[in-house]
Amino acid sequence: MSTAEILLVEDKDSLRQMLRLTLQNAGHTVDEARDGAEARRMLNDIRYNLVRAHLKMPTFAGRRVAHLRQPCHRQLGHLHAAGG
């Protein structure tokens, strides 16, 4: 099984923790950001294979995170999630 470096962007603590544990149990390495602004800073410093971002977050919505690809992140995948 292939593992991935994943950036998990979620403003709800309980959901972020559950998703992190699920992804880690599947063998992936997971970093967490509480909002899009924090995700932007992390994307400038670390290469990820996938970003999982909540669409509606304070300060910087998940859709905007998708547009933050740096030249070194051309192959960066994005998975967006909408809450209820």
N, C-alpha and C. Protein backbone atom coordinates (compact mmCIF):
# COMPACT_ATOMS: atom_id res chain seq x y z
N MET A 1 0.84 -1.18 0.00
CA MET A 1 0.00 0.00 0.00
C MET A 1 0.88 1.25 0.00
N SER A 2 0.51 2.22 -0.78
CA SER A 2 1.24 3.48 -0.86
C SER A 2 0.75 4.43 0.23
N THR A 3 1.69 5.14 0.83
CA THR A 3 1.32 6.12 1.84
C THR A 3 1.46 7.51 1.28
N ALA A 4 0.79 8.46 1.91
CA ALA A 4 0.80 9.83 1.43
C ALA A 4 1.08 10.79 2.58
N GLU A 5 1.63 11.94 2.21
CA GLU A 5 1.79 13.07 3.13
C GLU A 5 0.55 13.94 2.91
N ILE A 6 -0.30 14.04 3.93
CA ILE A 6 -1.59 14.71 3.79
C ILE A 6 -1.66 15.91 4.73
N LEU A 7 -2.17 17.03 4.19
CA LEU A 7 -2.49 18.19 5.00
C LEU A 7 -3.99 18.20 5.20
N LEU A 8 -4.43 18.11 6.43
CA LEU A 8 -5.83 18.07 6.80
C LEU A 8 -6.23 19.45 7.31
N VAL A 9 -7.13 20.12 6.60
CA VAL A 9 -7.54 21.47 6.95
C VAL A 9 -9.01 21.42 7.38
N GLU A 10 -9.24 21.61 8.67
CA GLU A 10 -10.59 21.48 9.24
C GLU A 10 -10.68 22.35 10.49
N ASP A 11 -11.73 23.16 10.57
CA ASP A 11 -11.87 24.06 11.71
C ASP A 11 -12.54 23.41 12.92
N LYS A 12 -13.23 22.30 12.74
CA LYS A 12 -13.88 21.62 13.86
C LYS A 12 -12.92 20.60 14.47
N ASP A 13 -12.55 20.83 15.73
CA ASP A 13 -11.54 20.00 16.40
C ASP A 13 -11.89 18.52 16.40
N SER A 14 -13.12 18.17 16.74
CA SER A 14 -13.49 16.76 16.85
C SER A 14 -13.44 16.06 15.50
N LEU A 15 -13.89 16.72 14.46
CA LEU A 15 -13.85 16.13 13.12
C LEU A 15 -12.41 16.00 12.63
N ARG A 16 -11.61 17.04 12.88
CA ARG A 16 -10.20 16.99 12.47
C ARG A 16 -9.48 15.84 13.16
N GLN A 17 -9.75 15.62 14.46
CA GLN A 17 -9.11 14.53 15.19
C GLN A 17 -9.54 13.17 14.63
N MET A 18 -10.83 12.99 14.35
CA MET A 18 -11.33 11.73 13.82
C MET A 18 -10.73 11.44 12.44
N LEU A 19 -10.67 12.45 11.59
CA LEU A 19 -10.09 12.26 10.26
C LEU A 19 -8.60 11.95 10.34
N ARG A 20 -7.89 12.66 11.23
CA ARG A 20 -6.46 12.40 11.40
C ARG A 20 -6.21 10.96 11.82
N LEU A 21 -6.95 10.49 12.82
CA LEU A 21 -6.77 9.12 13.30
C LEU A 21 -7.09 8.10 12.21
N THR A 22 -8.14 8.35 11.45
CA THR A 22 -8.52 7.44 10.36
C THR A 22 -7.42 7.38 9.31
N LEU A 23 -6.90 8.52 8.92
CA LEU A 23 -5.85 8.56 7.90
C LEU A 23 -4.54 7.95 8.42
N GLN A 24 -4.21 8.23 9.67
CA GLN A 24 -3.00 7.65 10.26
C GLN A 24 -3.12 6.13 10.38
N ASN A 25 -4.28 5.64 10.76
CA ASN A 25 -4.50 4.20 10.86
C ASN A 25 -4.39 3.52 9.50
N ALA A 26 -4.62 4.27 8.43
CA ALA A 26 -4.47 3.75 7.08
C ALA A 26 -3.01 3.85 6.61
N GLY A 27 -2.13 4.37 7.48
CA GLY A 27 -0.70 4.40 7.18
C GLY A 27 -0.17 5.71 6.62
N HIS A 28 -1.01 6.75 6.59
CA HIS A 28 -0.58 8.03 6.03
C HIS A 28 0.03 8.93 7.10
N THR A 29 0.85 9.86 6.66
CA THR A 29 1.39 10.90 7.53
C THR A 29 0.46 12.11 7.40
N VAL A 30 0.00 12.66 8.53
CA VAL A 30 -1.00 13.72 8.51
C VAL A 30 -0.52 14.91 9.33
N ASP A 31 -0.56 16.09 8.70
CA ASP A 31 -0.38 17.36 9.40
C ASP A 31 -1.73 18.04 9.43
N GLU A 32 -1.95 18.86 10.45
CA GLU A 32 -3.24 19.51 10.63
C GLU A 32 -3.13 21.02 10.59
N ALA A 33 -4.16 21.65 10.00
CA ALA A 33 -4.31 23.10 10.03
C ALA A 33 -5.75 23.39 10.45
N ARG A 34 -5.92 24.41 11.30
CA ARG A 34 -7.26 24.75 11.79
C ARG A 34 -8.04 25.63 10.81
N ASP A 35 -7.35 26.27 9.90
CA ASP A 35 -8.03 27.13 8.92
C ASP A 35 -7.14 27.30 7.70
N GLY A 36 -7.67 27.98 6.71
CA GLY A 36 -6.95 28.15 5.46
C GLY A 36 -5.69 28.99 5.59
N ALA A 37 -5.71 29.96 6.50
CA ALA A 37 -4.52 30.80 6.69
C ALA A 37 -3.35 29.96 7.21
N GLU A 38 -3.65 29.08 8.17
CA GLU A 38 -2.61 28.18 8.69
C GLU A 38 -2.16 27.21 7.60
N ALA A 39 -3.10 26.72 6.80
CA ALA A 39 -2.76 25.81 5.70
C ALA A 39 -1.83 26.49 4.70
N ARG A 40 -2.09 27.75 4.42
CA ARG A 40 -1.25 28.49 3.47
C ARG A 40 0.19 28.54 3.96
N ARG A 41 0.37 28.82 5.25
CA ARG A 41 1.73 28.86 5.79
C ARG A 41 2.41 27.49 5.68
N MET A 42 1.65 26.43 5.97
CA MET A 42 2.23 25.09 5.92
C MET A 42 2.57 24.67 4.50
N LEU A 43 1.73 25.06 3.53
CA LEU A 43 1.99 24.70 2.14
C LEU A 43 3.24 25.38 1.60
N ASN A 44 3.60 26.51 2.19
CA ASN A 44 4.83 27.18 1.77
C ASN A 44 6.08 26.46 2.25
N ASP A 45 5.94 25.64 3.30
CA ASP A 45 7.10 25.01 3.91
C ASP A 45 7.25 23.52 3.63
N ILE A 46 6.15 22.83 3.37
CA ILE A 46 6.17 21.37 3.29
C ILE A 46 5.48 20.91 2.02
N ARG A 47 6.01 19.86 1.40
CA ARG A 47 5.35 19.26 0.23
C ARG A 47 4.37 18.19 0.69
N TYR A 48 3.16 18.26 0.18
CA TYR A 48 2.12 17.29 0.49
C TYR A 48 1.67 16.61 -0.80
N ASN A 49 1.18 15.37 -0.66
CA ASN A 49 0.59 14.67 -1.78
C ASN A 49 -0.88 15.02 -1.93
N LEU A 50 -1.52 15.35 -0.80
CA LEU A 50 -2.95 15.61 -0.80
C LEU A 50 -3.30 16.63 0.26
N VAL A 51 -4.24 17.50 -0.08
CA VAL A 51 -4.81 18.43 0.90
C VAL A 51 -6.29 18.12 0.99
N ARG A 52 -6.76 17.85 2.21
CA ARG A 52 -8.18 17.64 2.47
C ARG A 52 -8.65 18.89 3.19
N ALA A 53 -9.51 19.67 2.55
CA ALA A 53 -9.92 20.96 3.11
C ALA A 53 -11.44 21.07 3.20
N HIS A 54 -11.90 21.62 4.31
CA HIS A 54 -13.31 21.94 4.49
C HIS A 54 -13.62 23.17 3.64
N LEU A 55 -14.73 23.14 2.91
CA LEU A 55 -15.05 24.25 2.00
C LEU A 55 -15.37 25.55 2.72
N LYS A 56 -16.04 25.47 3.85
CA LYS A 56 -16.47 26.69 4.54
C LYS A 56 -15.76 26.79 5.88
N MET A 57 -14.73 27.62 5.92
CA MET A 57 -13.96 27.83 7.15
C MET A 57 -13.74 29.31 7.35
N PRO A 58 -13.51 29.70 8.60
CA PRO A 58 -13.19 31.11 8.85
C PRO A 58 -11.81 31.47 8.29
N THR A 59 -11.63 32.70 7.97
CA THR A 59 -10.39 33.35 7.50
C THR A 59 -9.96 32.97 6.10
N PHE A 60 -10.21 31.76 5.64
CA PHE A 60 -9.66 31.35 4.34
C PHE A 60 -10.33 30.04 3.96
N ALA A 61 -11.31 30.09 3.09
CA ALA A 61 -12.10 28.90 2.76
C ALA A 61 -11.29 27.86 1.99
N GLY A 62 -11.74 26.63 2.08
CA GLY A 62 -11.06 25.51 1.44
C GLY A 62 -10.86 25.68 -0.06
N ARG A 63 -11.81 26.30 -0.73
CA ARG A 63 -11.65 26.51 -2.18
C ARG A 63 -10.44 27.37 -2.49
N ARG A 64 -10.17 28.33 -1.63
CA ARG A 64 -9.00 29.18 -1.84
C ARG A 64 -7.72 28.41 -1.60
N VAL A 65 -7.74 27.42 -0.71
CA VAL A 65 -6.56 26.60 -0.45
C VAL A 65 -6.12 25.90 -1.75
N ALA A 66 -7.09 25.50 -2.56
CA ALA A 66 -6.78 24.80 -3.81
C ALA A 66 -5.96 25.66 -4.77
N HIS A 67 -6.03 26.95 -4.64
CA HIS A 67 -5.31 27.86 -5.54
C HIS A 67 -3.94 28.25 -5.02
N LEU A 68 -3.49 27.62 -3.94
CA LEU A 68 -2.22 27.97 -3.33
C LEU A 68 -1.06 27.13 -3.82
N ARG A 69 -1.24 26.37 -4.84
CA ARG A 69 -0.17 25.49 -5.31
C ARG A 69 1.07 26.30 -5.67
N GLN A 70 2.14 25.92 -5.07
CA GLN A 70 3.44 26.49 -5.41
C GLN A 70 3.99 25.70 -6.59
N PRO A 71 5.00 26.20 -7.30
CA PRO A 71 5.56 25.45 -8.42
C PRO A 71 5.96 24.02 -8.04
N CYS A 72 6.45 23.81 -6.82
CA CYS A 72 6.87 22.48 -6.41
C CYS A 72 5.68 21.59 -6.07
N HIS A 73 4.46 22.15 -6.08
CA HIS A 73 3.27 21.38 -5.72
C HIS A 73 2.38 21.10 -6.94
N ARG A 74 2.95 21.01 -8.12
CA ARG A 74 2.14 20.80 -9.31
C ARG A 74 1.28 19.54 -9.24
N GLN A 75 1.76 18.52 -8.56
CA GLN A 75 1.03 17.26 -8.48
C GLN A 75 0.16 17.17 -7.23
N LEU A 76 -0.04 18.25 -6.54
CA LEU A 76 -0.80 18.27 -5.30
C LEU A 76 -2.28 18.00 -5.58
N GLY A 77 -2.84 16.98 -4.93
CA GLY A 77 -4.25 16.68 -5.06
C GLY A 77 -5.04 17.39 -3.97
N HIS A 78 -6.31 17.66 -4.27
CA HIS A 78 -7.18 18.32 -3.31
C HIS A 78 -8.47 17.54 -3.17
N LEU A 79 -8.93 17.42 -1.95
CA LEU A 79 -10.21 16.79 -1.64
C LEU A 79 -10.97 17.79 -0.78
N HIS A 80 -12.10 18.24 -1.29
CA HIS A 80 -12.89 19.23 -0.55
C HIS A 80 -14.09 18.55 0.08
N ALA A 81 -14.47 19.03 1.26
CA ALA A 81 -15.62 18.49 1.97
C ALA A 81 -16.53 19.62 2.42
N ALA A 82 -17.82 19.43 2.25
CA ALA A 82 -18.79 20.42 2.69
C ALA A 82 -19.54 19.87 3.89
N GLY A 83 -19.72 20.72 4.87
CA GLY A 83 -20.43 20.31 6.09
C GLY A 83 -21.91 20.63 5.99
N GLY A 84 -22.62 20.15 6.98
CA GLY A 84 -24.08 20.37 7.00
C GLY A 84 -24.48 21.63 7.68
